[in-house]
Amino acid sequence: MIDLRSDTVTRPTAAMRAVMAAAEVGDDVFGEDPTVNSLEQRVATLFGHETGLFCPSGTMANQIAVNIHTRPGDEIICDEGTHIYRYEGGGTMATSGCSVKFVPSDRGRFTANSVKAAINDPDAQWLARTRLVELENTCNRGGGAVWDLAEVDRIRAVCNTHGLAMHMDGARIFNALSVSKESPDQWGQRFETVSICLSKGLGAPVGSVLVGSNVFMTAARRVRKRLGGGMRQVGILAAACHYALDHHVDRLVEDHARAAQIGSTLAELPYVAEVIPVETNIVIFTLAGDLQAAPFLGQLKTAGVLAAAFGPNMVRMVLHLDVNDTDVEKTIDALQAYR
């Protein structure tokens, strides 16, 4: 079965498993796991920050960031499709007591002017206090859209003027960087905190690192413990993340090329109404007429391909390191054979 449901379905390679088995470990709650400690510092330095915190998931990393940046009753500015709102179980509201305000966007990317217009008057006691601006790079529901750093700089300037913090959900930040050719620290220095996922395109089995200042990460470590994220001999997993950073970053362009190939095929098929522009490893398309995602996906599964529904008539396919050129050819054959 060719699994294109997500880039989270990857399995550790044999070489990655060997590194995991040989990992030096300790009790991470006591700060004594050397492999975790080195991973946290490595990722923090890479993104231009002082220190990091290893978390079991991107959701936890994001929700820790929201919690340390806000107080109950505060408001967060973000896109309506952003992961912290749509796919984190209501954690922003349940864990931190914050509301969200959506701004207009182009495939998940909004402008500084939109942010400025969305900021509440801090002297209006009947309004939620605007505290945080959050963006996601790449934008999942935008078909893996990549942000423009110049626009981020303009948003940063607005936030500086109004005393707002910025957090980036960098679940697929390395995919974005492989397109923009910018360095991780160029992006990291624009934000107070960044979450970096290593279990998607990079292929580690588990793990995200939240990076920021020493002060922020001290607070973050306490919140992680409160949320049940205090882990013990977790260097086994951190070793896999080290391996992913060493071996799986440069190959992301292969996923992008394969995604573009599928996207081009879909654009020519009569049963496809629209394909969101393919920039990275995500392909999202809308079925034409009254075609529904569920029966379409059922027939695709019969042909040996798994994809995910992204709405009643919308489908998502995600390329990753467990999908090769032969798999793409078979996927294209299945798409072209659909009736």
C-alpha atoms as a PDB file:
ATOM      1  CA  MET A   1       0.000   0.000   0.000  1.00  0.00           C
ATOM      2  CA  ILE A   2       1.332   3.435  -0.967  1.00  0.00           C
ATOM      3  CA  ASP A   3       0.553   5.658   2.010  1.00  0.00           C
ATOM      4  CA  LEU A   4       0.133   9.331   1.142  1.00  0.00           C
ATOM      5  CA  ARG A   5      -2.125  10.239   4.057  1.00  0.00           C
ATOM      6  CA  SER A   6       0.624  12.189   5.821  1.00  0.00           C
ATOM      7  CA  ASP A   7       4.373  12.518   6.193  1.00  0.00           C
ATOM      8  CA  THR A   8       3.885  11.306   9.771  1.00  0.00           C
ATOM      9  CA  VAL A   9       3.549   7.690   8.585  1.00  0.00           C
ATOM     10  CA  THR A  10       7.258   7.235   7.877  1.00  0.00           C
ATOM     11  CA  ARG A  11       9.106   4.411   9.586  1.00  0.00           C
ATOM     12  CA  PRO A  12      12.652   4.603  10.927  1.00  0.00           C
ATOM     13  CA  THR A  13      15.251   3.374   8.491  1.00  0.00           C
ATOM     14  CA  ALA A  14      17.581   0.539   9.470  1.00  0.00           C
ATOM     15  CA  ALA A  15      20.419   3.028   9.958  1.00  0.00           C
ATOM     16  CA  MET A  16      18.215   5.208  12.152  1.00  0.00           C
ATOM     17  CA  ARG A  17      17.231   2.199  14.261  1.00  0.00           C
ATOM     18  CA  ALA A  18      20.888   1.326  14.767  1.00  0.00           C
ATOM     19  CA  VAL A  19      21.634   4.843  16.027  1.00  0.00           C
ATOM     20  CA  MET A  20      18.628   4.637  18.359  1.00  0.00           C
ATOM     21  CA  ALA A  21      19.794   1.321  19.793  1.00  0.00           C
ATOM     22  CA  ALA A  22      23.237   2.720  20.531  1.00  0.00           C
ATOM     23  CA  ALA A  23      22.043   5.999  22.064  1.00  0.00           C
ATOM     24  CA  GLU A  24      23.475   7.194  25.353  1.00  0.00           C
ATOM     25  CA  VAL A  25      20.583   7.934  27.717  1.00  0.00           C
ATOM     26  CA  GLY A  26      19.729   9.363  31.128  1.00  0.00           C
ATOM     27  CA  ASP A  27      16.758  10.789  33.012  1.00  0.00           C
ATOM     28  CA  ASP A  28      15.584  13.789  31.008  1.00  0.00           C
ATOM     29  CA  VAL A  29      13.366  15.191  33.789  1.00  0.00           C
ATOM     30  CA  PHE A  30      16.552  15.602  35.794  1.00  0.00           C
ATOM     31  CA  GLY A  31      18.248  17.061  32.712  1.00  0.00           C
ATOM     32  CA  GLU A  32      20.594  14.076  32.567  1.00  0.00           C
ATOM     33  CA  ASP A  33      19.954  12.615  29.122  1.00  0.00           C
ATOM     34  CA  PRO A  34      23.008  13.668  27.097  1.00  0.00           C
ATOM     35  CA  THR A  35      21.447  12.831  23.727  1.00  0.00           C
ATOM     36  CA  VAL A  36      18.383  14.953  24.480  1.00  0.00           C
ATOM     37  CA  ASN A  37      20.516  17.785  25.824  1.00  0.00           C
ATOM     38  CA  SER A  38      22.662  17.854  22.704  1.00  0.00           C
ATOM     39  CA  LEU A  39      19.592  17.745  20.428  1.00  0.00           C
ATOM     40  CA  GLU A  40      17.938  20.643  22.263  1.00  0.00           C
ATOM     41  CA  GLN A  41      21.068  22.767  22.002  1.00  0.00           C
ATOM     42  CA  ARG A  42      21.717  21.764  18.402  1.00  0.00           C
ATOM     43  CA  VAL A  43      18.254  22.792  17.201  1.00  0.00           C
ATOM     44  CA  ALA A  44      18.245  25.967  19.292  1.00  0.00           C
ATOM     45  CA  THR A  45      21.592  27.075  17.891  1.00  0.00           C
ATOM     46  CA  LEU A  46      20.492  26.181  14.362  1.00  0.00           C
ATOM     47  CA  PHE A  47      17.512  28.538  14.698  1.00  0.00           C
ATOM     48  CA  GLY A  48      19.420  31.303  16.447  1.00  0.00           C
ATOM     49  CA  HIS A  49      18.039  30.785  19.969  1.00  0.00           C
ATOM     50  CA  GLU A  50      19.560  30.126  23.360  1.00  0.00           C
ATOM     51  CA  THR A  51      18.063  26.764  24.225  1.00  0.00           C
ATOM     52  CA  GLY A  52      15.418  24.213  23.351  1.00  0.00           C
ATOM     53  CA  LEU A  53      12.973  21.749  24.845  1.00  0.00           C
ATOM     54  CA  PHE A  54      12.361  18.263  23.445  1.00  0.00           C
ATOM     55  CA  CYS A  55       8.644  17.440  23.286  1.00  0.00           C
ATOM     56  CA  PRO A  56       6.828  14.264  22.251  1.00  0.00           C
ATOM     57  CA  SER A  57       4.720  16.091  19.668  1.00  0.00           C
ATOM     58  CA  GLY A  58       4.360  19.305  17.722  1.00  0.00           C
ATOM     59  CA  THR A  59       0.998  19.829  19.363  1.00  0.00           C
ATOM     60  CA  MET A  60       2.581  19.856  22.813  1.00  0.00           C
ATOM     61  CA  ALA A  61       5.364  22.177  21.669  1.00  0.00           C
ATOM     62  CA  ASN A  62       2.848  24.623  20.203  1.00  0.00           C
ATOM     63  CA  GLN A  63       0.558  24.515  23.215  1.00  0.00           C
ATOM     64  CA  ILE A  64       3.452  25.077  25.602  1.00  0.00           C
ATOM     65  CA  ALA A  65       4.406  28.143  23.577  1.00  0.00           C
ATOM     66  CA  VAL A  66       0.843  29.483  23.657  1.00  0.00           C
ATOM     67  CA  ASN A  67       0.713  28.933  27.405  1.00  0.00           C
ATOM     68  CA  ILE A  68       3.924  30.781  28.233  1.00  0.00           C
ATOM     69  CA  HIS A  69       3.096  33.716  25.950  1.00  0.00           C
ATOM     70  CA  THR A  70      -0.444  34.317  27.180  1.00  0.00           C
ATOM     71  CA  ARG A  71      -2.785  34.539  30.153  1.00  0.00           C
ATOM     72  CA  PRO A  72      -6.377  33.280  30.294  1.00  0.00           C
ATOM     73  CA  GLY A  73      -8.639  35.683  28.449  1.00  0.00           C
ATOM     74  CA  ASP A  74      -5.972  36.804  25.976  1.00  0.00           C
ATOM     75  CA  GLU A  75      -6.413  36.608  22.216  1.00  0.00           C
ATOM     76  CA  ILE A  76      -4.187  35.102  19.538  1.00  0.00           C
ATOM     77  CA  ILE A  77      -4.049  36.310  15.938  1.00  0.00           C
ATOM     78  CA  CYS A  78      -3.726  33.501  13.400  1.00  0.00           C
ATOM     79  CA  ASP A  79      -5.100  32.023  10.191  1.00  0.00           C
ATOM     80  CA  GLU A  80      -8.364  30.052  10.447  1.00  0.00           C
ATOM     81  CA  GLY A  81      -6.660  26.942   9.055  1.00  0.00           C
ATOM     82  CA  THR A  82      -3.700  26.994  11.399  1.00  0.00           C
ATOM     83  CA  HIS A  83      -2.794  23.803  13.229  1.00  0.00           C
ATOM     84  CA  ILE A  84      -3.028  25.290  16.742  1.00  0.00           C
ATOM     85  CA  TYR A  85      -6.710  26.022  16.110  1.00  0.00           C
ATOM     86  CA  ARG A  86      -7.900  23.179  13.882  1.00  0.00           C
ATOM     87  CA  TYR A  87      -5.881  20.146  14.850  1.00  0.00           C
ATOM     88  CA  GLU A  88      -4.788  20.424  18.475  1.00  0.00           C
ATOM     89  CA  GLY A  89      -7.975  19.350  20.211  1.00  0.00           C
ATOM     90  CA  GLY A  90      -8.994  22.845  21.326  1.00  0.00           C
ATOM     91  CA  GLY A  91      -5.850  23.094  23.422  1.00  0.00           C
ATOM     92  CA  THR A  92      -5.471  26.833  22.897  1.00  0.00           C
ATOM     93  CA  MET A  93      -8.818  27.349  24.605  1.00  0.00           C
ATOM     94  CA  ALA A  94      -8.789  24.430  27.050  1.00  0.00           C
ATOM     95  CA  THR A  95      -5.185  24.637  28.255  1.00  0.00           C
ATOM     96  CA  SER A  96      -4.520  28.377  28.106  1.00  0.00           C
ATOM     97  CA  GLY A  97      -8.006  29.913  28.129  1.00  0.00           C
ATOM     98  CA  CYS A  98      -7.318  31.996  25.036  1.00  0.00           C
ATOM     99  CA  SER A  99      -9.563  33.017  22.190  1.00  0.00           C
ATOM    100  CA  VAL A 100      -8.380  33.352  18.599  1.00  0.00           C
ATOM    101  CA  LYS A 101      -8.985  36.005  15.960  1.00  0.00           C
ATOM    102  CA  PHE A 102      -8.704  34.975  12.335  1.00  0.00           C
ATOM    103  CA  VAL A 103      -7.246  37.267   9.712  1.00  0.00           C
ATOM    104  CA  PRO A 104      -7.672  37.106   5.927  1.00  0.00           C
ATOM    105  CA  SER A 105      -5.008  35.011   4.279  1.00  0.00           C
ATOM    106  CA  ASP A 106      -3.668  33.633   1.026  1.00  0.00           C
ATOM    107  CA  ARG A 107      -3.347  29.895   1.573  1.00  0.00           C
ATOM    108  CA  GLY A 108      -2.574  30.497   5.246  1.00  0.00           C
ATOM    109  CA  ARG A 109      -0.250  33.452   4.785  1.00  0.00           C
ATOM    110  CA  PHE A 110      -1.483  36.797   6.060  1.00  0.00           C
ATOM    111  CA  THR A 111      -0.097  40.313   5.937  1.00  0.00           C
ATOM    112  CA  ALA A 112       1.197  42.859   8.411  1.00  0.00           C
ATOM    113  CA  ASN A 113      -1.714  45.129   7.570  1.00  0.00           C
ATOM    114  CA  SER A 114      -4.154  42.354   8.477  1.00  0.00           C
ATOM    115  CA  VAL A 115      -2.394  41.846  11.784  1.00  0.00           C
ATOM    116  CA  LYS A 116      -2.434  45.560  12.553  1.00  0.00           C
ATOM    117  CA  ALA A 117      -6.171  45.764  11.827  1.00  0.00           C
ATOM    118  CA  ALA A 118      -6.878  42.792  14.100  1.00  0.00           C
ATOM    119  CA  ILE A 119      -5.147  44.121  17.229  1.00  0.00           C
ATOM    120  CA  ASN A 120      -7.617  45.063  19.943  1.00  0.00           C
ATOM    121  CA  ASP A 121      -7.395  48.369  21.795  1.00  0.00           C
ATOM    122  CA  PRO A 122      -5.526  47.471  25.013  1.00  0.00           C
ATOM    123  CA  ASP A 123      -7.468  50.162  26.899  1.00  0.00           C
ATOM    124  CA  ALA A 124     -10.852  48.685  25.944  1.00  0.00           C
ATOM    125  CA  GLN A 125     -11.570  46.513  28.962  1.00  0.00           C
ATOM    126  CA  TRP A 126     -14.481  44.781  27.216  1.00  0.00           C
ATOM    127  CA  LEU A 127     -12.138  43.347  24.541  1.00  0.00           C
ATOM    128  CA  ALA A 128      -9.741  40.449  24.855  1.00  0.00           C
ATOM    129  CA  ARG A 129      -6.148  41.572  25.149  1.00  0.00           C
ATOM    130  CA  THR A 130      -4.204  40.749  21.971  1.00  0.00           C
ATOM    131  CA  ARG A 131      -1.066  38.983  23.104  1.00  0.00           C
ATOM    132  CA  LEU A 132       0.367  36.688  20.430  1.00  0.00           C
ATOM    133  CA  VAL A 133       0.645  36.328  16.647  1.00  0.00           C
ATOM    134  CA  GLU A 134       1.078  32.766  15.416  1.00  0.00           C
ATOM    135  CA  LEU A 135       1.934  31.550  11.940  1.00  0.00           C
ATOM    136  CA  GLU A 136       2.598  28.157  10.390  1.00  0.00           C
ATOM    137  CA  ASN A 137       5.375  27.493   7.865  1.00  0.00           C
ATOM    138  CA  THR A 138       4.683  25.673   5.648  1.00  0.00           C
ATOM    139  CA  CYS A 139       0.909  26.159   5.714  1.00  0.00           C
ATOM    140  CA  ASN A 140      -0.639  22.702   5.801  1.00  0.00           C
ATOM    141  CA  ARG A 141      -4.141  23.630   4.648  1.00  0.00           C
ATOM    142  CA  GLY A 142      -2.618  25.994   2.112  1.00  0.00           C
ATOM    143  CA  GLY A 143      -1.111  23.051   0.284  1.00  0.00           C
ATOM    144  CA  GLY A 144       2.307  23.437   1.880  1.00  0.00           C
ATOM    145  CA  ALA A 145       2.550  27.143   1.034  1.00  0.00           C
ATOM    146  CA  VAL A 146       5.824  28.856   1.963  1.00  0.00           C
ATOM    147  CA  TRP A 147       5.900  32.209   3.766  1.00  0.00           C
ATOM    148  CA  ASP A 148       7.783  35.242   2.461  1.00  0.00           C
ATOM    149  CA  LEU A 149      10.388  36.368   4.977  1.00  0.00           C
ATOM    150  CA  ALA A 150       9.973  40.014   3.988  1.00  0.00           C
ATOM    151  CA  GLU A 151       6.299  39.900   5.006  1.00  0.00           C
ATOM    152  CA  VAL A 152       7.269  38.244   8.279  1.00  0.00           C
ATOM    153  CA  ASP A 153       9.602  41.164   8.917  1.00  0.00           C
ATOM    154  CA  ARG A 154       6.722  43.561   8.384  1.00  0.00           C
ATOM    155  CA  ILE A 155       4.589  41.557  10.810  1.00  0.00           C
ATOM    156  CA  ARG A 156       7.481  41.604  13.284  1.00  0.00           C
ATOM    157  CA  ALA A 157       7.596  45.391  13.088  1.00  0.00           C
ATOM    158  CA  VAL A 158       3.863  45.617  13.852  1.00  0.00           C
ATOM    159  CA  CYS A 159       4.276  43.262  16.797  1.00  0.00           C
ATOM    160  CA  ASN A 160       7.198  45.268  18.153  1.00  0.00           C
ATOM    161  CA  THR A 161       5.141  48.466  17.995  1.00  0.00           C
ATOM    162  CA  HIS A 162       2.235  46.883  19.864  1.00  0.00           C
ATOM    163  CA  GLY A 163       4.174  44.719  22.314  1.00  0.00           C
ATOM    164  CA  LEU A 164       3.064  41.382  20.872  1.00  0.00           C
ATOM    165  CA  ALA A 165       4.980  38.122  20.885  1.00  0.00           C
ATOM    166  CA  MET A 166       5.357  35.891  17.823  1.00  0.00           C
ATOM    167  CA  HIS A 167       5.393  32.100  17.640  1.00  0.00           C
ATOM    168  CA  MET A 168       6.052  30.000  14.561  1.00  0.00           C
ATOM    169  CA  ASP A 169       4.696  26.499  14.146  1.00  0.00           C
ATOM    170  CA  GLY A 170       7.570  25.172  12.070  1.00  0.00           C
ATOM    171  CA  ALA A 171       6.144  21.687  11.659  1.00  0.00           C
ATOM    172  CA  ARG A 172       7.504  21.638   8.108  1.00  0.00           C
ATOM    173  CA  ILE A 173      10.007  24.478   8.341  1.00  0.00           C
ATOM    174  CA  PHE A 174      12.756  22.472   6.645  1.00  0.00           C
ATOM    175  CA  ASN A 175      10.473  21.968   3.651  1.00  0.00           C
ATOM    176  CA  ALA A 176      10.030  25.738   3.510  1.00  0.00           C
ATOM    177  CA  LEU A 177      13.757  26.378   3.811  1.00  0.00           C
ATOM    178  CA  SER A 178      14.553  23.965   0.995  1.00  0.00           C
ATOM    179  CA  VAL A 179      12.419  26.193  -1.252  1.00  0.00           C
ATOM    180  CA  SER A 180      13.364  29.663   0.024  1.00  0.00           C
ATOM    181  CA  LYS A 181      17.075  28.790   0.450  1.00  0.00           C
ATOM    182  CA  GLU A 182      17.173  30.847   3.639  1.00  0.00           C
ATOM    183  CA  SER A 183      18.945  29.653   6.770  1.00  0.00           C
ATOM    184  CA  PRO A 184      17.155  28.378   9.893  1.00  0.00           C
ATOM    185  CA  ASP A 185      18.524  31.211  12.031  1.00  0.00           C
ATOM    186  CA  GLN A 186      17.189  33.825   9.596  1.00  0.00           C
ATOM    187  CA  TRP A 187      13.734  32.541  10.443  1.00  0.00           C
ATOM    188  CA  GLY A 188      14.257  31.732  14.082  1.00  0.00           C
ATOM    189  CA  GLN A 189      15.448  35.193  15.074  1.00  0.00           C
ATOM    190  CA  ARG A 190      12.128  36.737  13.963  1.00  0.00           C
ATOM    191  CA  PHE A 191      10.177  34.859  16.656  1.00  0.00           C
ATOM    192  CA  GLU A 192      10.237  34.574  20.423  1.00  0.00           C
ATOM    193  CA  THR A 193       9.556  30.852  20.073  1.00  0.00           C
ATOM    194  CA  VAL A 194       9.612  28.295  17.263  1.00  0.00           C
ATOM    195  CA  SER A 195       8.464  24.674  17.284  1.00  0.00           C
ATOM    196  CA  ILE A 196      10.363  22.383  14.920  1.00  0.00           C
ATOM    197  CA  CYS A 197       8.918  18.956  14.104  1.00  0.00           C
ATOM    198  CA  LEU A 198      11.335  16.142  13.296  1.00  0.00           C
ATOM    199  CA  SER A 199       8.768  13.368  12.803  1.00  0.00           C
ATOM    200  CA  LYS A 200       7.224  14.570   9.531  1.00  0.00           C
ATOM    201  CA  GLY A 201       9.336  15.016   6.418  1.00  0.00           C
ATOM    202  CA  LEU A 202      12.557  14.312   8.290  1.00  0.00           C
ATOM    203  CA  GLY A 203      11.317  10.853   9.235  1.00  0.00           C
ATOM    204  CA  ALA A 204      12.053  10.560  12.966  1.00  0.00           C
ATOM    205  CA  PRO A 205       9.478   8.382  14.766  1.00  0.00           C
ATOM    206  CA  VAL A 206       8.679  10.969  17.463  1.00  0.00           C
ATOM    207  CA  GLY A 207       9.671  14.434  18.484  1.00  0.00           C
ATOM    208  CA  SER A 208       9.519  18.207  18.190  1.00  0.00           C
ATOM    209  CA  VAL A 209      11.854  20.784  19.693  1.00  0.00           C
ATOM    210  CA  LEU A 210      10.575  24.112  21.008  1.00  0.00           C
ATOM    211  CA  VAL A 211      13.270  26.798  20.966  1.00  0.00           C
ATOM    212  CA  GLY A 212      13.520  30.219  22.588  1.00  0.00           C
ATOM    213  CA  SER A 213      15.343  32.138  25.284  1.00  0.00           C
ATOM    214  CA  ASN A 214      16.597  30.588  28.505  1.00  0.00           C
ATOM    215  CA  VAL A 215      13.848  32.402  30.421  1.00  0.00           C
ATOM    216  CA  PHE A 216      11.103  31.141  28.112  1.00  0.00           C
ATOM    217  CA  MET A 217      12.389  27.584  28.106  1.00  0.00           C
ATOM    218  CA  THR A 218      12.617  27.465  31.894  1.00  0.00           C
ATOM    219  CA  ALA A 219       8.916  28.309  31.977  1.00  0.00           C
ATOM    220  CA  ALA A 220       8.281  25.899  29.119  1.00  0.00           C
ATOM    221  CA  ARG A 221       9.891  23.007  30.981  1.00  0.00           C
ATOM    222  CA  ARG A 222       7.451  23.500  33.850  1.00  0.00           C
ATOM    223  CA  VAL A 223       4.465  23.566  31.476  1.00  0.00           C
ATOM    224  CA  ARG A 224       5.703  20.439  29.701  1.00  0.00           C
ATOM    225  CA  LYS A 225       5.786  18.622  33.037  1.00  0.00           C
ATOM    226  CA  ARG A 226       2.268  19.832  33.860  1.00  0.00           C
ATOM    227  CA  LEU A 227       0.996  18.501  30.527  1.00  0.00           C
ATOM    228  CA  GLY A 228       2.549  15.088  31.125  1.00  0.00           C
ATOM    229  CA  GLY A 229       5.451  15.596  28.757  1.00  0.00           C
ATOM    230  CA  GLY A 230       8.248  14.990  31.247  1.00  0.00           C
ATOM    231  CA  MET A 231      10.098  12.028  29.747  1.00  0.00           C
ATOM    232  CA  ARG A 232      12.827   9.809  31.120  1.00  0.00           C
ATOM    233  CA  GLN A 233      15.407   7.852  29.056  1.00  0.00           C
ATOM    234  CA  VAL A 234      14.206   9.486  25.868  1.00  0.00           C
ATOM    235  CA  GLY A 235      17.623   9.795  24.256  1.00  0.00           C
ATOM    236  CA  ILE A 236      16.615   6.780  22.173  1.00  0.00           C
ATOM    237  CA  LEU A 237      14.163   9.060  20.363  1.00  0.00           C
ATOM    238  CA  ALA A 238      16.443  12.086  20.372  1.00  0.00           C
ATOM    239  CA  ALA A 239      19.081   9.977  18.614  1.00  0.00           C
ATOM    240  CA  ALA A 240      16.623   9.362  15.789  1.00  0.00           C
ATOM    241  CA  CYS A 241      16.095  13.117  15.528  1.00  0.00           C
ATOM    242  CA  HIS A 242      19.843  13.703  15.323  1.00  0.00           C
ATOM    243  CA  TYR A 243      20.024  11.137  12.532  1.00  0.00           C
ATOM    244  CA  ALA A 244      17.141  12.820  10.704  1.00  0.00           C
ATOM    245  CA  LEU A 245      18.906  16.182  10.827  1.00  0.00           C
ATOM    246  CA  ASP A 246      22.118  14.595   9.575  1.00  0.00           C
ATOM    247  CA  HIS A 247      20.647  12.594   6.698  1.00  0.00           C
ATOM    248  CA  HIS A 248      17.103  13.617   5.755  1.00  0.00           C
ATOM    249  CA  VAL A 249      17.126  17.380   5.233  1.00  0.00           C
ATOM    250  CA  ASP A 250      18.735  17.614   1.803  1.00  0.00           C
ATOM    251  CA  ARG A 251      16.491  14.895   0.355  1.00  0.00           C
ATOM    252  CA  LEU A 252      13.278  16.910   0.964  1.00  0.00           C
ATOM    253  CA  VAL A 253      13.578  18.325  -2.564  1.00  0.00           C
ATOM    254  CA  GLU A 254      12.854  14.807  -3.836  1.00  0.00           C
ATOM    255  CA  ASP A 255       9.495  14.868  -2.074  1.00  0.00           C
ATOM    256  CA  HIS A 256       8.750  18.266  -3.577  1.00  0.00           C
ATOM    257  CA  ALA A 257       9.523  17.068  -7.092  1.00  0.00           C
ATOM    258  CA  ARG A 258       7.290  14.023  -6.678  1.00  0.00           C
ATOM    259  CA  ALA A 259       4.475  16.157  -5.260  1.00  0.00           C
ATOM    260  CA  ALA A 260       4.743  18.493  -8.253  1.00  0.00           C
ATOM    261  CA  GLN A 261       4.534  15.507 -10.588  1.00  0.00           C
ATOM    262  CA  ILE A 262       1.298  14.313  -8.967  1.00  0.00           C
ATOM    263  CA  GLY A 263      -0.072  17.856  -8.923  1.00  0.00           C
ATOM    264  CA  SER A 264       0.563  18.268 -12.645  1.00  0.00           C
ATOM    265  CA  THR A 265      -1.239  15.012 -13.354  1.00  0.00           C
ATOM    266  CA  LEU A 266      -4.241  15.985 -11.251  1.00  0.00           C
ATOM    267  CA  ALA A 267      -4.542  19.336 -13.012  1.00  0.00           C
ATOM    268  CA  GLU A 268      -5.209  17.479 -16.285  1.00  0.00           C
ATOM    269  CA  LEU A 269      -7.876  15.100 -14.955  1.00  0.00           C
ATOM    270  CA  PRO A 270     -11.532  15.893 -15.746  1.00  0.00           C
ATOM    271  CA  TYR A 271     -12.830  14.910 -12.300  1.00  0.00           C
ATOM    272  CA  VAL A 272     -10.541  17.423 -10.516  1.00  0.00           C
ATOM    273  CA  ALA A 273     -11.945  20.937 -10.121  1.00  0.00           C
ATOM    274  CA  GLU A 274      -8.901  22.600  -8.568  1.00  0.00           C
ATOM    275  CA  VAL A 275      -5.374  21.811  -7.413  1.00  0.00           C
ATOM    276  CA  ILE A 276      -3.876  24.167  -4.848  1.00  0.00           C
ATOM    277  CA  PRO A 277      -0.459  25.302  -6.151  1.00  0.00           C
ATOM    278  CA  VAL A 278       2.140  22.735  -5.130  1.00  0.00           C
ATOM    279  CA  GLU A 279       5.173  24.355  -3.506  1.00  0.00           C
ATOM    280  CA  THR A 280       6.513  21.635  -1.242  1.00  0.00           C
ATOM    281  CA  ASN A 281       5.461  18.060  -0.371  1.00  0.00           C
ATOM    282  CA  ILE A 282       1.683  18.552   0.033  1.00  0.00           C
ATOM    283  CA  VAL A 283      -0.881  18.128  -2.741  1.00  0.00           C
ATOM    284  CA  ILE A 284      -4.452  19.273  -2.033  1.00  0.00           C
ATOM    285  CA  PHE A 285      -7.155  19.068  -4.656  1.00  0.00           C
ATOM    286  CA  THR A 286     -10.928  19.508  -4.942  1.00  0.00           C
ATOM    287  CA  LEU A 287     -13.135  17.020  -6.752  1.00  0.00           C
ATOM    288  CA  ALA A 288     -15.457  18.337  -9.426  1.00  0.00           C
ATOM    289  CA  GLY A 289     -19.248  18.327  -9.442  1.00  0.00           C
ATOM    290  CA  ASP A 290     -20.927  16.135  -6.855  1.00  0.00           C
ATOM    291  CA  LEU A 291     -17.969  13.799  -6.381  1.00  0.00           C
ATOM    292  CA  GLN A 292     -17.276  13.155  -2.710  1.00  0.00           C
ATOM    293  CA  ALA A 293     -13.959  12.386  -1.052  1.00  0.00           C
ATOM    294  CA  ALA A 294     -15.048   9.220   0.785  1.00  0.00           C
ATOM    295  CA  PRO A 295     -15.983   7.051  -2.236  1.00  0.00           C
ATOM    296  CA  PHE A 296     -13.070   8.461  -4.231  1.00  0.00           C
ATOM    297  CA  LEU A 297     -10.638   7.490  -1.473  1.00  0.00           C
ATOM    298  CA  GLY A 298     -12.260   4.064  -1.229  1.00  0.00           C
ATOM    299  CA  GLN A 299     -11.621   3.350  -4.883  1.00  0.00           C
ATOM    300  CA  LEU A 300      -8.095   4.738  -4.616  1.00  0.00           C
ATOM    301  CA  LYS A 301      -7.440   2.392  -1.693  1.00  0.00           C
ATOM    302  CA  THR A 302      -8.596  -0.541  -3.787  1.00  0.00           C
ATOM    303  CA  ALA A 303      -5.945   0.503  -6.298  1.00  0.00           C
ATOM    304  CA  GLY A 304      -3.312   0.427  -3.539  1.00  0.00           C
ATOM    305  CA  VAL A 305      -3.055   4.118  -2.647  1.00  0.00           C
ATOM    306  CA  LEU A 306      -4.017   5.782   0.634  1.00  0.00           C
ATOM    307  CA  ALA A 307      -4.837   9.486   0.803  1.00  0.00           C
ATOM    308  CA  ALA A 308      -6.752  11.652   3.295  1.00  0.00           C
ATOM    309  CA  ALA A 309     -10.031  13.548   3.134  1.00  0.00           C
ATOM    310  CA  PHE A 310      -9.526  17.246   3.779  1.00  0.00           C
ATOM    311  CA  GLY A 311     -13.191  18.154   3.437  1.00  0.00           C
ATOM    312  CA  PRO A 312     -16.344  16.654   1.890  1.00  0.00           C
ATOM    313  CA  ASN A 313     -14.894  16.906  -1.636  1.00  0.00           C
ATOM    314  CA  MET A 314     -11.264  17.755  -0.901  1.00  0.00           C
ATOM    315  CA  VAL A 315      -8.307  15.340  -0.794  1.00  0.00           C
ATOM    316  CA  ARG A 316      -4.758  15.668   0.530  1.00  0.00           C
ATOM    317  CA  MET A 317      -1.698  13.681  -0.498  1.00  0.00           C
ATOM    318  CA  VAL A 318       1.654  14.129   1.237  1.00  0.00           C
ATOM    319  CA  LEU A 319       4.982  12.910  -0.115  1.00  0.00           C
ATOM    320  CA  HIS A 320       7.699  11.604   2.208  1.00  0.00           C
ATOM    321  CA  LEU A 321      10.826   9.470   2.376  1.00  0.00           C
ATOM    322  CA  ASP A 322       8.921   6.162   2.244  1.00  0.00           C
ATOM    323  CA  VAL A 323       7.522   7.031  -1.203  1.00  0.00           C
ATOM    324  CA  ASN A 324       9.769   6.489  -4.223  1.00  0.00           C
ATOM    325  CA  ASP A 325       9.514   7.169  -7.945  1.00  0.00           C
ATOM    326  CA  THR A 326       7.866   3.813  -8.620  1.00  0.00           C
ATOM    327  CA  ASP A 327       5.224   4.583  -5.988  1.00  0.00           C
ATOM    328  CA  VAL A 328       4.528   7.910  -7.680  1.00  0.00           C
ATOM    329  CA  GLU A 329       4.131   6.211 -11.054  1.00  0.00           C
ATOM    330  CA  LYS A 330       1.658   3.727  -9.547  1.00  0.00           C
ATOM    331  CA  THR A 331      -0.229   6.583  -7.872  1.00  0.00           C
ATOM    332  CA  ILE A 332      -0.482   8.458 -11.151  1.00  0.00           C
ATOM    333  CA  ASP A 333      -1.722   5.296 -12.882  1.00  0.00           C
ATOM    334  CA  ALA A 334      -4.406   4.913 -10.193  1.00  0.00           C
ATOM    335  CA  LEU A 335      -5.478   8.543 -10.533  1.00  0.00           C
ATOM    336  CA  GLN A 336      -5.662   8.330 -14.302  1.00  0.00           C
ATOM    337  CA  ALA A 337      -7.629   5.079 -14.122  1.00  0.00           C
ATOM    338  CA  TYR A 338     -10.311   6.526 -11.820  1.00  0.00           C
ATOM    339  CA  ARG A 339     -13.790   6.576 -13.348  1.00  0.00           C
END
